[in-house]
C-alpha atoms as a PDB file:
ATOM      1  CA  MET A   1      -7.721  38.507  88.467  1.00  0.00           C
ATOM      2  CA  THR A   2      -4.843  39.223  90.877  1.00  0.00           C
ATOM      3  CA  PRO A   3      -3.458  36.028  92.501  1.00  0.00           C
ATOM      4  CA  LEU A   4      -3.908  35.708  96.277  1.00  0.00           C
ATOM      5  CA  THR A   5      -0.783  36.224  98.326  1.00  0.00           C
ATOM      6  CA  GLY A   6      -1.299  34.362 101.596  1.00  0.00           C
ATOM      7  CA  ALA A   7      -3.465  36.926 103.406  1.00  0.00           C
ATOM      8  CA  ALA A   8      -5.445  35.997 106.554  1.00  0.00           C
ATOM      9  CA  ASP A   9      -9.264  35.969 106.416  1.00  0.00           C
ATOM     10  CA  PRO A  10     -11.487  37.602 109.088  1.00  0.00           C
ATOM     11  CA  ALA A  11     -11.548  34.353 111.118  1.00  0.00           C
ATOM     12  CA  GLY A  12      -7.797  34.458 111.448  1.00  0.00           C
ATOM     13  CA  ILE A  13      -7.163  31.500 109.182  1.00  0.00           C
ATOM     14  CA  SER A  14      -4.371  32.188 106.784  1.00  0.00           C
ATOM     15  CA  THR A  15      -4.927  31.414 103.154  1.00  0.00           C
ATOM     16  CA  PRO A  16      -1.955  29.871 101.306  1.00  0.00           C
ATOM     17  CA  ALA A  17      -0.678  31.808  98.360  1.00  0.00           C
ATOM     18  CA  LEU A  18      -1.937  30.658  94.996  1.00  0.00           C
ATOM     19  CA  ARG A  19       0.851  30.573  92.474  1.00  0.00           C
ATOM     20  CA  SER A  20       0.391  30.233  88.773  1.00  0.00           C
ATOM     21  CA  PRO A  21       1.725  26.877  87.526  1.00  0.00           C
ATOM     22  CA  PRO A  22       5.221  27.133  86.091  1.00  0.00           C
ATOM     23  CA  LYS A  23       5.469  27.011  82.364  1.00  0.00           C
ATOM     24  CA  GLY A  24       6.734  23.590  81.322  1.00  0.00           C
ATOM     25  CA  ARG A  25       9.768  23.395  79.116  1.00  0.00           C
ATOM     26  CA  LYS A  26       9.173  22.346  75.598  1.00  0.00           C
ATOM     27  CA  ARG A  27      10.499  18.880  74.907  1.00  0.00           C
ATOM     28  CA  SER A  28      13.358  18.880  72.476  1.00  0.00           C
ATOM     29  CA  LEU A  29      13.053  16.856  69.295  1.00  0.00           C
ATOM     30  CA  ALA A  30      15.795  14.486  70.434  1.00  0.00           C
ATOM     31  CA  GLY A  31      14.069  14.017  73.791  1.00  0.00           C
ATOM     32  CA  ALA A  32      10.752  13.259  72.135  1.00  0.00           C
ATOM     33  CA  LEU A  33      12.279  10.793  69.681  1.00  0.00           C
ATOM     34  CA  ALA A  34      13.926   8.927  72.547  1.00  0.00           C
ATOM     35  CA  ASP A  35      10.487   7.428  73.203  1.00  0.00           C
ATOM     36  CA  PRO A  36       9.973   4.472  70.807  1.00  0.00           C
ATOM     37  CA  ARG A  37       6.228   5.170  70.751  1.00  0.00           C
ATOM     38  CA  VAL A  38       6.902   8.610  69.285  1.00  0.00           C
ATOM     39  CA  ARG A  39       9.291   7.139  66.719  1.00  0.00           C
ATOM     40  CA  LEU A  40       6.774   4.474  65.796  1.00  0.00           C
ATOM     41  CA  GLY A  41       4.040   7.028  65.238  1.00  0.00           C
ATOM     42  CA  ALA A  42       6.285   9.389  63.278  1.00  0.00           C
ATOM     43  CA  GLY A  43       7.684   6.625  61.094  1.00  0.00           C
ATOM     44  CA  THR A  44       4.289   5.094  60.376  1.00  0.00           C
ATOM     45  CA  GLY A  45       2.829   8.492  59.510  1.00  0.00           C
ATOM     46  CA  ALA A  46       5.673   9.347  57.134  1.00  0.00           C
ATOM     47  CA  LEU A  47       5.411   5.924  55.530  1.00  0.00           C
ATOM     48  CA  LEU A  48       1.701   6.361  54.830  1.00  0.00           C
ATOM     49  CA  VAL A  49       2.182   9.886  53.485  1.00  0.00           C
ATOM     50  CA  THR A  50       4.870   8.865  51.007  1.00  0.00           C
ATOM     51  CA  ALA A  51       2.985   5.736  49.910  1.00  0.00           C
ATOM     52  CA  ILE A  52      -0.114   7.817  49.166  1.00  0.00           C
ATOM     53  CA  ALA A  53       1.870  10.558  47.406  1.00  0.00           C
ATOM     54  CA  VAL A  54       3.657   8.363  44.864  1.00  0.00           C
ATOM     55  CA  ARG A  55       2.186   7.706  41.409  1.00  0.00           C
ATOM     56  CA  ARG A  56       2.938   4.717  39.231  1.00  0.00           C
ATOM     57  CA  ASP A  57       2.832   6.587  35.926  1.00  0.00           C
ATOM     58  CA  ARG A  58       4.314  10.016  36.639  1.00  0.00           C
ATOM     59  CA  VAL A  59       6.592  12.105  38.848  1.00  0.00           C
ATOM     60  CA  GLY A  60       5.566  15.424  40.381  1.00  0.00           C
ATOM     61  CA  ARG A  61       7.357  18.596  39.417  1.00  0.00           C
ATOM     62  CA  CYS A  62       9.021  19.162  42.787  1.00  0.00           C
ATOM     63  CA  GLU A  63      10.118  15.540  43.110  1.00  0.00           C
ATOM     64  CA  ALA A  64      11.513  15.572  39.567  1.00  0.00           C
ATOM     65  CA  ALA A  65      13.479  18.756  40.267  1.00  0.00           C
ATOM     66  CA  ALA A  66      14.935  17.299  43.474  1.00  0.00           C
ATOM     67  CA  PHE A  67      15.853  14.096  41.647  1.00  0.00           C
ATOM     68  CA  ARG A  68      17.646  15.900  38.820  1.00  0.00           C
ATOM     69  CA  ALA A  69      19.583  18.081  41.277  1.00  0.00           C
ATOM     70  CA  VAL A  70      21.125  14.993  42.896  1.00  0.00           C
ATOM     71  CA  ASN A  71      21.235  12.712  39.861  1.00  0.00           C
ATOM     72  CA  GLY A  72      23.013  15.423  37.860  1.00  0.00           C
ATOM     73  CA  LEU A  73      25.988  15.729  40.227  1.00  0.00           C
ATOM     74  CA  PRO A  74      29.465  15.131  38.690  1.00  0.00           C
ATOM     75  CA  GLY A  75      30.445  11.608  37.719  1.00  0.00           C
ATOM     76  CA  TRP A  76      33.682  11.635  39.738  1.00  0.00           C
ATOM     77  CA  LEU A  77      31.542  11.304  42.895  1.00  0.00           C
ATOM     78  CA  TYR A  78      30.557   7.747  41.973  1.00  0.00           C
ATOM     79  CA  PRO A  79      33.419   5.864  43.755  1.00  0.00           C
ATOM     80  CA  PRO A  80      32.818   7.446  47.203  1.00  0.00           C
ATOM     81  CA  ALA A  81      29.048   7.322  46.637  1.00  0.00           C
ATOM     82  CA  TRP A  82      29.278   3.596  45.890  1.00  0.00           C
ATOM     83  CA  ALA A  83      31.255   3.023  49.110  1.00  0.00           C
ATOM     84  CA  VAL A  84      28.677   4.855  51.235  1.00  0.00           C
ATOM     85  CA  MET A  85      25.851   3.052  49.443  1.00  0.00           C
ATOM     86  CA  GLN A  86      27.069  -0.295  50.794  1.00  0.00           C
ATOM     87  CA  LEU A  87      26.014   0.765  54.288  1.00  0.00           C
ATOM     88  CA  GLY A  88      22.421   0.210  53.194  1.00  0.00           C
ATOM     89  CA  THR A  89      22.809  -3.241  51.688  1.00  0.00           C
ATOM     90  CA  LEU A  90      21.425  -6.397  53.259  1.00  0.00           C
ATOM     91  CA  GLY A  91      24.976  -7.408  54.191  1.00  0.00           C
ATOM     92  CA  ALA A  92      25.386  -4.291  56.328  1.00  0.00           C
ATOM     93  CA  SER A  93      22.977  -5.751  58.882  1.00  0.00           C
ATOM     94  CA  PRO A  94      24.965  -8.875  59.872  1.00  0.00           C
ATOM     95  CA  ALA A  95      28.197  -6.869  59.634  1.00  0.00           C
ATOM     96  CA  ALA A  96      26.927  -4.285  62.127  1.00  0.00           C
ATOM     97  CA  ALA A  97      25.466  -7.011  64.341  1.00  0.00           C
ATOM     98  CA  GLY A  98      28.802  -8.831  64.336  1.00  0.00           C
ATOM     99  CA  ALA A  99      30.634  -5.665  65.402  1.00  0.00           C
ATOM    100  CA  ALA A 100      28.189  -5.152  68.279  1.00  0.00           C
ATOM    101  CA  TRP A 101      28.561  -8.807  69.308  1.00  0.00           C
ATOM    102  CA  LEU A 102      32.344  -8.535  69.402  1.00  0.00           C
ATOM    103  CA  ALA A 103      31.993  -5.366  71.469  1.00  0.00           C
ATOM    104  CA  GLY A 104      30.029  -7.374  74.039  1.00  0.00           C
ATOM    105  CA  ASP A 105      26.574  -5.882  73.397  1.00  0.00           C
ATOM    106  CA  ARG A 106      24.470  -8.901  72.454  1.00  0.00           C
ATOM    107  CA  GLU A 107      21.159  -7.077  72.873  1.00  0.00           C
ATOM    108  CA  LEU A 108      22.217  -4.428  70.342  1.00  0.00           C
ATOM    109  CA  ALA A 109      23.545  -7.127  68.020  1.00  0.00           C
ATOM    110  CA  GLY A 110      20.127  -8.773  67.953  1.00  0.00           C
ATOM    111  CA  ARG A 111      18.355  -5.490  67.255  1.00  0.00           C
ATOM    112  CA  LEU A 112      20.747  -4.614  64.432  1.00  0.00           C
ATOM    113  CA  LEU A 113      20.315  -7.987  62.794  1.00  0.00           C
ATOM    114  CA  ALA A 114      16.534  -8.044  63.163  1.00  0.00           C
ATOM    115  CA  GLY A 115      16.098  -4.385  62.229  1.00  0.00           C
ATOM    116  CA  GLY A 116      18.216  -4.470  59.093  1.00  0.00           C
ATOM    117  CA  ALA A 117      16.946  -7.810  57.795  1.00  0.00           C
ATOM    118  CA  GLY A 118      13.342  -7.019  58.703  1.00  0.00           C
ATOM    119  CA  THR A 119      13.448  -3.654  56.941  1.00  0.00           C
ATOM    120  CA  TRP A 120      14.959  -5.210  53.830  1.00  0.00           C
ATOM    121  CA  ALA A 121      12.286  -7.924  53.719  1.00  0.00           C
ATOM    122  CA  LEU A 122       9.429  -5.464  54.265  1.00  0.00           C
ATOM    123  CA  SER A 123      10.769  -3.188  51.528  1.00  0.00           C
ATOM    124  CA  LYS A 124      10.110  -6.004  49.049  1.00  0.00           C
ATOM    125  CA  VAL A 125       6.513  -6.206  50.238  1.00  0.00           C
ATOM    126  CA  PHE A 126       5.961  -2.483  49.752  1.00  0.00           C
ATOM    127  CA  LYS A 127       7.461  -2.654  46.267  1.00  0.00           C
ATOM    128  CA  GLN A 128       4.864  -5.209  45.236  1.00  0.00           C
ATOM    129  CA  VAL A 129       2.007  -3.255  46.804  1.00  0.00           C
ATOM    130  CA  VAL A 130       2.842   0.183  45.370  1.00  0.00           C
ATOM    131  CA  ARG A 131       4.515  -1.038  42.154  1.00  0.00           C
ATOM    132  CA  ARG A 132       6.277   2.174  41.194  1.00  0.00           C
ATOM    133  CA  PRO A 133       8.851   1.808  38.376  1.00  0.00           C
ATOM    134  CA  ARG A 134      12.469   2.895  38.569  1.00  0.00           C
ATOM    135  CA  PRO A 135      13.362   6.510  37.672  1.00  0.00           C
ATOM    136  CA  ALA A 136      14.613   5.673  34.158  1.00  0.00           C
ATOM    137  CA  ALA A 137      11.128   4.462  33.209  1.00  0.00           C
ATOM    138  CA  LEU A 138       9.486   7.679  34.418  1.00  0.00           C
ATOM    139  CA  LEU A 139      11.991  10.469  33.753  1.00  0.00           C
ATOM    140  CA  PRO A 140      13.792  10.818  30.398  1.00  0.00           C
ATOM    141  CA  GLY A 141      17.470  11.627  30.692  1.00  0.00           C
ATOM    142  CA  THR A 142      17.992   9.773  33.963  1.00  0.00           C
ATOM    143  CA  ARG A 143      21.693   9.089  34.540  1.00  0.00           C
ATOM    144  CA  VAL A 144      22.201   5.481  35.593  1.00  0.00           C
ATOM    145  CA  ARG A 145      25.591   4.882  37.203  1.00  0.00           C
ATOM    146  CA  GLY A 146      26.913   1.410  37.859  1.00  0.00           C
ATOM    147  CA  PRO A 147      24.771  -1.702  37.356  1.00  0.00           C
ATOM    148  CA  GLU A 148      21.181  -0.769  36.556  1.00  0.00           C
ATOM    149  CA  ALA A 149      18.843  -1.564  39.438  1.00  0.00           C
ATOM    150  CA  ALA A 150      16.243  -4.221  38.640  1.00  0.00           C
ATOM    151  CA  GLY A 151      12.710  -4.512  39.940  1.00  0.00           C
ATOM    152  CA  LEU A 152      10.502  -1.742  41.305  1.00  0.00           C
ATOM    153  CA  GLY A 153      11.329   1.632  42.806  1.00  0.00           C
ATOM    154  CA  TYR A 154       9.217   2.480  45.860  1.00  0.00           C
ATOM    155  CA  LEU A 155      10.541   2.104  48.447  1.00  0.00           C
ATOM    156  CA  SER A 156      14.325   2.167  48.892  1.00  0.00           C
ATOM    157  CA  GLY A 157      15.586  -0.800  50.871  1.00  0.00           C
ATOM    158  CA  HIS A 158      19.045   0.796  51.118  1.00  0.00           C
ATOM    159  CA  ALA A 159      17.661   3.925  52.790  1.00  0.00           C
ATOM    160  CA  GLY A 160      15.544   1.800  55.130  1.00  0.00           C
ATOM    161  CA  VAL A 161      18.384  -0.452  56.270  1.00  0.00           C
ATOM    162  CA  ALA A 162      20.715   2.508  56.853  1.00  0.00           C
ATOM    163  CA  VAL A 163      18.158   4.334  58.993  1.00  0.00           C
ATOM    164  CA  ALA A 164      17.168   1.204  60.939  1.00  0.00           C
ATOM    165  CA  LEU A 165      20.797   0.427  61.784  1.00  0.00           C
ATOM    166  CA  GLY A 166      21.643   4.029  62.585  1.00  0.00           C
ATOM    167  CA  ALA A 167      18.630   4.559  64.840  1.00  0.00           C
ATOM    168  CA  ALA A 168      19.354   1.370  66.784  1.00  0.00           C
ATOM    169  CA  ALA A 169      23.054   2.134  67.238  1.00  0.00           C
ATOM    170  CA  LEU A 170      22.733   5.846  68.025  1.00  0.00           C
ATOM    171  CA  PRO A 171      22.093   5.561  71.814  1.00  0.00           C
ATOM    172  CA  HIS A 172      25.138   3.304  72.180  1.00  0.00           C
ATOM    173  CA  LEU A 173      27.609   5.633  70.444  1.00  0.00           C
ATOM    174  CA  GLY A 174      29.754   8.459  71.697  1.00  0.00           C
ATOM    175  CA  LYS A 175      29.528  12.050  70.536  1.00  0.00           C
ATOM    176  CA  THR A 176      31.708  11.503  67.476  1.00  0.00           C
ATOM    177  CA  GLY A 177      29.976   8.267  66.529  1.00  0.00           C
ATOM    178  CA  ARG A 178      26.580   9.921  66.743  1.00  0.00           C
ATOM    179  CA  ALA A 179      27.679  12.794  64.542  1.00  0.00           C
ATOM    180  CA  ILE A 180      29.015  10.376  61.915  1.00  0.00           C
ATOM    181  CA  THR A 181      25.869   8.247  62.020  1.00  0.00           C
ATOM    182  CA  LEU A 182      23.540  11.222  61.726  1.00  0.00           C
ATOM    183  CA  GLY A 183      25.545  12.454  58.758  1.00  0.00           C
ATOM    184  CA  VAL A 184      26.019   9.185  56.903  1.00  0.00           C
ATOM    185  CA  ALA A 185      22.551   7.606  57.216  1.00  0.00           C
ATOM    186  CA  PRO A 186      20.780  10.249  55.075  1.00  0.00           C
ATOM    187  CA  VAL A 187      23.611  10.204  52.532  1.00  0.00           C
ATOM    188  CA  VAL A 188      22.934   6.529  51.811  1.00  0.00           C
ATOM    189  CA  GLY A 189      19.528   7.495  50.451  1.00  0.00           C
ATOM    190  CA  LEU A 190      21.025  10.337  48.408  1.00  0.00           C
ATOM    191  CA  THR A 191      23.483   7.947  46.791  1.00  0.00           C
ATOM    192  CA  ARG A 192      20.565   5.878  45.523  1.00  0.00           C
ATOM    193  CA  ILE A 193      19.168   8.968  43.813  1.00  0.00           C
ATOM    194  CA  TYR A 194      22.608   9.836  42.477  1.00  0.00           C
ATOM    195  CA  VAL A 195      23.038   6.453  40.781  1.00  0.00           C
ATOM    196  CA  GLY A 196      19.543   6.665  39.278  1.00  0.00           C
ATOM    197  CA  ALA A 197      18.043   3.805  41.294  1.00  0.00           C
ATOM    198  CA  HIS A 198      15.400   5.712  43.250  1.00  0.00           C
ATOM    199  CA  LEU A 199      13.302   8.864  43.287  1.00  0.00           C
ATOM    200  CA  PRO A 200      13.146  11.133  46.379  1.00  0.00           C
ATOM    201  CA  LEU A 201       9.821   9.733  47.621  1.00  0.00           C
ATOM    202  CA  ASP A 202      11.271   6.229  47.324  1.00  0.00           C
ATOM    203  CA  VAL A 203      14.102   7.255  49.623  1.00  0.00           C
ATOM    204  CA  ALA A 204      11.799   9.061  52.072  1.00  0.00           C
ATOM    205  CA  GLY A 205       9.527   6.024  52.243  1.00  0.00           C
ATOM    206  CA  GLY A 206      12.466   3.715  52.838  1.00  0.00           C
ATOM    207  CA  ALA A 207      13.813   5.907  55.637  1.00  0.00           C
ATOM    208  CA  ALA A 208      10.349   5.975  57.228  1.00  0.00           C
ATOM    209  CA  LEU A 209      10.134   2.186  57.064  1.00  0.00           C
ATOM    210  CA  GLY A 210      13.518   1.756  58.741  1.00  0.00           C
ATOM    211  CA  PHE A 211      12.538   4.215  61.455  1.00  0.00           C
ATOM    212  CA  THR A 212       9.272   2.342  62.027  1.00  0.00           C
ATOM    213  CA  VAL A 213      10.862  -1.109  62.199  1.00  0.00           C
ATOM    214  CA  GLU A 214      13.545   0.034  64.638  1.00  0.00           C
ATOM    215  CA  ALA A 215      10.944   1.693  66.880  1.00  0.00           C
ATOM    216  CA  ALA A 216       8.754  -1.416  66.849  1.00  0.00           C
ATOM    217  CA  LEU A 217      11.696  -3.587  67.893  1.00  0.00           C
ATOM    218  CA  ALA A 218      12.663  -1.161  70.657  1.00  0.00           C
ATOM    219  CA  LEU A 219       9.089  -1.125  71.924  1.00  0.00           C
ATOM    220  CA  ALA A 220       8.885  -4.929  71.846  1.00  0.00           C
ATOM    221  CA  ARG A 221      12.039  -5.244  73.952  1.00  0.00           C
ATOM    222  CA  ARG A 222      10.938  -2.617  76.445  1.00  0.00           C
ATOM    223  CA  PRO A 223      10.524  -4.074  79.972  1.00  0.00           C
ATOM    224  CA  ALA A 224       6.965  -4.269  81.249  1.00  0.00           C
ATOM    225  CA  ALA A 225       5.906  -1.546  83.658  1.00  0.00           C
ATOM    226  CA  ALA A 226       5.713  -2.442  87.349  1.00  0.00           C
ATOM    227  CA  PRO A 227       2.149  -3.067  88.646  1.00  0.00           C
ATOM    228  CA  ALA A 228       0.529  -0.032  90.210  1.00  0.00           C
ATOM    229  CA  ALA A 229      -0.085   0.103  93.959  1.00  0.00           C
ATOM    230  CA  PRO A 230      -3.636  -0.769  95.061  1.00  0.00           C
ATOM    231  CA  ALA A 231      -5.987   2.185  95.187  1.00  0.00           C
ATOM    232  CA  GLY A 232      -7.646   3.434  98.347  1.00  0.00           C
ATOM    233  CA  PRO A 233      -6.413   4.518 101.796  1.00  0.00           C
ATOM    234  CA  PHE A 234      -4.835   1.121 102.477  1.00  0.00           C
ATOM    235  CA  GLY A 235      -3.025   0.992  99.142  1.00  0.00           C
ATOM    236  CA  PRO A 236       0.517   1.828 100.412  1.00  0.00           C
ATOM    237  CA  ALA A 237       0.189  -0.552 103.359  1.00  0.00           C
ATOM    238  CA  ALA A 238      -1.065  -3.350 101.134  1.00  0.00           C
ATOM    239  CA  ALA A 239       1.835  -2.796  98.767  1.00  0.00           C
ATOM    240  CA  ALA A 240       4.314  -2.935 101.665  1.00  0.00           C
ATOM    241  CA  LEU A 241       2.824  -6.174 103.047  1.00  0.00           C
ATOM    242  CA  ARG A 242       2.642  -7.939  99.665  1.00  0.00           C
ATOM    243  CA  PRO A 243       6.158  -9.503  99.938  1.00  0.00           C
ATOM    244  CA  LEU A 244       5.149 -11.072 103.296  1.00  0.00           C
ATOM    245  CA  ALA A 245       2.003 -12.695 101.981  1.00  0.00           C
ATOM    246  CA  GLY A 246       3.649 -15.945 100.951  1.00  0.00           C
ATOM    247  CA  GLN A 247       5.764 -16.440 104.080  1.00  0.00           C
ATOM    248  CA  PRO A 248       4.684 -19.034 106.720  1.00  0.00           C
ATOM    249  CA  MET A 249       3.497 -17.749 110.059  1.00  0.00           C
ATOM    250  CA  ALA A 250       5.718 -18.373 113.115  1.00  0.00           C
END
């Protein structure tokens, strides 16, 4: 059908033009992820997918190939890899929180401390639930660099802490700081594969957990929405008179 263009009917009453609704712009990924509800849903979904995909007694072909590609990198990379890996330790959380506190952002300091420590603690719970061994117990020829990691594999607490801290700090950083954070946070997980401590699904699950914890904290600290105006024809007037309700009459 051809849209109407504001022509007058036989009675002389003009009909307003009917325009097709403008096509809405697609939300960018960054814009969508700015909403903590979206981050919470995405993180929870990724966490469930990785937890279901892992097996206690074997490693899939694709995951094994990805692991060997990173674990087989040259040994001279270990010193810088070890340095980056420290950004996902439990101690990174109070260190980052202390830096935010000294910078005068106490709200961010609290989120960094709670997000990092909470992710680390929850990673221990997931390890006991899934009970996946370390790579050396599942893949022959695994190269273990540095002290051998004890305990269970899924999921990576280092990857989770790094993502939780990075996601919380990202909105407070400048352009350069954001670029560094977005580059370093994923590398922390790769270093855990490189040293033979985790398999790729372990790292993906840890990153998903950190993303989920940070989103939950952001959602919990979100201010409550203002109450809606009363419905009906007297709604705006009632809303305008509400502040006067408690005042004494002259």
